[in-house]
Amino acid sequence: MIHLRNLVQPDLVLGGNVLSLSLEQLQRQGIAGLILDVDDTLVSMHSRQISVELRQWIETLRPQLQICW
């Protein structure tokens, strides 16, 4: 039986900024998709906008990875 908690358990935990991750690093880890926690993690809780840098990073990875955010 597959438990939901096993499906959403992280395969990679970063010690730094997510923007430093490259497609090559993710592929080397065998990661085919990302679930990004936006609220107060990638974006301030009081903001409704993501940074230009974050948007560019997501758009760079999107053709090769499944991304949910």
N, C-alpha and C. Protein backbone atom coordinates (compact mmCIF):
# COMPACT_ATOMS: atom_id res chain seq x y z
N MET A 1 0.83 -1.17 0.00
CA MET A 1 0.00 0.00 0.00
C MET A 1 0.89 1.25 0.00
N ILE A 2 0.56 2.21 -0.83
CA ILE A 2 1.31 3.46 -0.91
C ILE A 2 0.62 4.50 -0.03
N HIS A 3 1.37 5.10 0.86
CA HIS A 3 0.83 6.14 1.73
C HIS A 3 1.11 7.51 1.12
N LEU A 4 0.16 8.41 1.25
CA LEU A 4 0.29 9.76 0.71
C LEU A 4 1.55 10.44 1.22
N ARG A 5 1.89 10.25 2.48
CA ARG A 5 3.08 10.93 3.04
C ARG A 5 4.35 10.50 2.31
N ASN A 6 4.38 9.29 1.76
CA ASN A 6 5.55 8.84 1.01
C ASN A 6 5.62 9.50 -0.37
N LEU A 7 4.47 9.88 -0.90
CA LEU A 7 4.45 10.52 -2.23
C LEU A 7 4.92 11.96 -2.18
N VAL A 8 4.72 12.63 -1.06
CA VAL A 8 5.09 14.05 -0.98
C VAL A 8 6.32 14.28 -0.10
N GLN A 9 7.00 13.23 0.25
CA GLN A 9 8.23 13.36 1.03
C GLN A 9 9.34 13.85 0.11
N PRO A 10 10.11 14.84 0.54
CA PRO A 10 11.15 15.37 -0.35
C PRO A 10 12.25 14.36 -0.66
N ASP A 11 12.74 14.41 -1.91
CA ASP A 11 13.88 13.60 -2.32
C ASP A 11 15.18 14.39 -2.16
N LEU A 12 15.05 15.69 -2.09
CA LEU A 12 16.22 16.56 -2.00
C LEU A 12 15.86 17.74 -1.12
N VAL A 13 16.68 18.00 -0.11
CA VAL A 13 16.47 19.14 0.77
C VAL A 13 17.65 20.07 0.58
N LEU A 14 17.35 21.33 0.31
CA LEU A 14 18.40 22.31 0.03
C LEU A 14 18.87 23.00 1.30
N GLY A 15 20.12 23.34 1.32
CA GLY A 15 20.65 24.15 2.40
C GLY A 15 20.77 25.60 1.99
N GLY A 16 20.49 25.88 0.72
CA GLY A 16 20.64 27.24 0.21
C GLY A 16 19.46 27.65 -0.64
N ASN A 17 19.73 28.55 -1.54
CA ASN A 17 18.71 29.13 -2.40
C ASN A 17 18.31 28.17 -3.51
N VAL A 18 17.02 28.03 -3.74
CA VAL A 18 16.50 27.13 -4.78
C VAL A 18 16.98 27.55 -6.17
N LEU A 19 17.24 28.83 -6.36
CA LEU A 19 17.66 29.32 -7.67
C LEU A 19 19.03 28.79 -8.08
N SER A 20 19.76 28.26 -7.12
CA SER A 20 21.08 27.71 -7.44
C SER A 20 20.99 26.31 -8.05
N LEU A 21 19.80 25.69 -7.98
CA LEU A 21 19.63 24.36 -8.56
C LEU A 21 19.54 24.43 -10.08
N SER A 22 20.29 23.60 -10.74
CA SER A 22 20.24 23.54 -12.21
C SER A 22 19.46 22.31 -12.65
N LEU A 23 19.01 22.34 -13.88
CA LEU A 23 18.33 21.20 -14.47
C LEU A 23 19.23 19.97 -14.42
N GLU A 24 20.51 20.15 -14.68
CA GLU A 24 21.45 19.03 -14.66
C GLU A 24 21.53 18.39 -13.28
N GLN A 25 21.56 19.21 -12.23
CA GLN A 25 21.61 18.67 -10.87
C GLN A 25 20.35 17.86 -10.56
N LEU A 26 19.21 18.39 -10.95
CA LEU A 26 17.95 17.69 -10.69
C LEU A 26 17.88 16.37 -11.46
N GLN A 27 18.30 16.39 -12.72
CA GLN A 27 18.29 15.17 -13.52
C GLN A 27 19.26 14.14 -12.97
N ARG A 28 20.41 14.59 -12.49
CA ARG A 28 21.40 13.68 -11.89
C ARG A 28 20.82 12.98 -10.66
N GLN A 29 19.95 13.66 -9.94
CA GLN A 29 19.30 13.10 -8.76
C GLN A 29 18.10 12.22 -9.14
N GLY A 30 17.76 12.21 -10.44
CA GLY A 30 16.61 11.43 -10.89
C GLY A 30 15.28 12.11 -10.58
N ILE A 31 15.31 13.41 -10.38
CA ILE A 31 14.10 14.16 -10.05
C ILE A 31 13.41 14.60 -11.33
N ALA A 32 12.16 14.20 -11.48
CA ALA A 32 11.41 14.50 -12.69
C ALA A 32 10.35 15.57 -12.47
N GLY A 33 10.17 15.99 -11.22
CA GLY A 33 9.16 17.00 -10.93
C GLY A 33 9.45 17.70 -9.62
N LEU A 34 8.88 18.89 -9.48
CA LEU A 34 9.06 19.68 -8.28
C LEU A 34 7.71 20.14 -7.76
N ILE A 35 7.56 20.12 -6.45
CA ILE A 35 6.43 20.75 -5.79
C ILE A 35 7.03 21.91 -5.00
N LEU A 36 6.68 23.12 -5.41
CA LEU A 36 7.26 24.31 -4.79
C LEU A 36 6.28 24.94 -3.82
N ASP A 37 6.72 25.15 -2.59
CA ASP A 37 5.93 25.80 -1.56
C ASP A 37 6.19 27.30 -1.67
N VAL A 38 5.23 28.01 -2.21
CA VAL A 38 5.42 29.43 -2.50
C VAL A 38 5.20 30.30 -1.27
N ASP A 39 4.10 30.07 -0.53
CA ASP A 39 3.73 30.93 0.59
C ASP A 39 4.77 30.94 1.68
N ASP A 40 5.40 32.08 1.85
CA ASP A 40 6.39 32.34 2.89
C ASP A 40 7.63 31.45 2.79
N THR A 41 7.82 30.82 1.65
CA THR A 41 9.05 30.07 1.41
C THR A 41 9.78 30.69 0.23
N LEU A 42 9.15 30.68 -0.93
CA LEU A 42 9.75 31.30 -2.11
C LEU A 42 9.29 32.74 -2.29
N VAL A 43 8.17 33.07 -1.68
CA VAL A 43 7.60 34.41 -1.78
C VAL A 43 7.18 34.83 -0.37
N SER A 44 7.43 36.07 -0.03
CA SER A 44 7.01 36.59 1.26
C SER A 44 5.50 36.40 1.44
N MET A 45 5.09 36.11 2.65
CA MET A 45 3.69 35.88 2.92
C MET A 45 2.82 37.10 2.56
N HIS A 46 3.41 38.27 2.57
CA HIS A 46 2.67 39.50 2.30
C HIS A 46 2.74 39.93 0.84
N SER A 47 3.35 39.13 0.01
CA SER A 47 3.49 39.47 -1.40
C SER A 47 2.61 38.56 -2.26
N ARG A 48 2.16 39.10 -3.36
CA ARG A 48 1.38 38.30 -4.31
C ARG A 48 2.17 38.07 -5.60
N GLN A 49 3.42 38.51 -5.61
CA GLN A 49 4.25 38.43 -6.81
C GLN A 49 5.50 37.59 -6.53
N ILE A 50 5.90 36.81 -7.53
CA ILE A 50 7.19 36.14 -7.43
C ILE A 50 8.23 37.01 -8.11
N SER A 51 9.47 36.81 -7.74
CA SER A 51 10.55 37.63 -8.31
C SER A 51 10.77 37.26 -9.77
N VAL A 52 11.37 38.18 -10.49
CA VAL A 52 11.73 37.92 -11.89
C VAL A 52 12.67 36.74 -11.98
N GLU A 53 13.61 36.66 -11.05
CA GLU A 53 14.59 35.57 -11.05
C GLU A 53 13.91 34.22 -10.85
N LEU A 54 12.96 34.17 -9.91
CA LEU A 54 12.24 32.91 -9.65
C LEU A 54 11.41 32.52 -10.87
N ARG A 55 10.72 33.47 -11.46
CA ARG A 55 9.92 33.17 -12.66
C ARG A 55 10.80 32.64 -13.80
N GLN A 56 11.96 33.25 -14.00
CA GLN A 56 12.88 32.81 -15.06
C GLN A 56 13.39 31.40 -14.77
N TRP A 57 13.70 31.11 -13.51
CA TRP A 57 14.19 29.79 -13.13
C TRP A 57 13.12 28.74 -13.41
N ILE A 58 11.88 29.02 -13.02
CA ILE A 58 10.78 28.09 -13.26
C ILE A 58 10.57 27.88 -14.75
N GLU A 59 10.58 28.95 -15.51
CA GLU A 59 10.36 28.84 -16.96
C GLU A 59 11.50 28.10 -17.65
N THR A 60 12.70 28.18 -17.12
CA THR A 60 13.84 27.44 -17.67
C THR A 60 13.67 25.94 -17.44
N LEU A 61 13.16 25.56 -16.27
CA LEU A 61 13.02 24.14 -15.93
C LEU A 61 11.74 23.52 -16.48
N ARG A 62 10.71 24.31 -16.65
CA ARG A 62 9.38 23.80 -17.00
C ARG A 62 9.34 22.89 -18.22
N PRO A 63 10.08 23.15 -19.29
CA PRO A 63 10.01 22.23 -20.43
C PRO A 63 10.52 20.80 -20.14
N GLN A 64 11.34 20.66 -19.11
CA GLN A 64 11.94 19.37 -18.80
C GLN A 64 11.39 18.69 -17.55
N LEU A 65 10.71 19.46 -16.69
CA LEU A 65 10.24 18.93 -15.40
C LEU A 65 8.77 19.25 -15.20
N GLN A 66 8.08 18.41 -14.44
CA GLN A 66 6.73 18.73 -13.98
C GLN A 66 6.90 19.66 -12.79
N ILE A 67 6.24 20.80 -12.81
CA ILE A 67 6.36 21.76 -11.70
C ILE A 67 4.98 22.14 -11.22
N CYS A 68 4.76 21.99 -9.92
CA CYS A 68 3.52 22.42 -9.27
C CYS A 68 3.89 23.49 -8.25
N TRP A 69 3.13 24.57 -8.24
CA TRP A 69 3.38 25.63 -7.26
C TRP A 69 2.16 26.41 -6.99
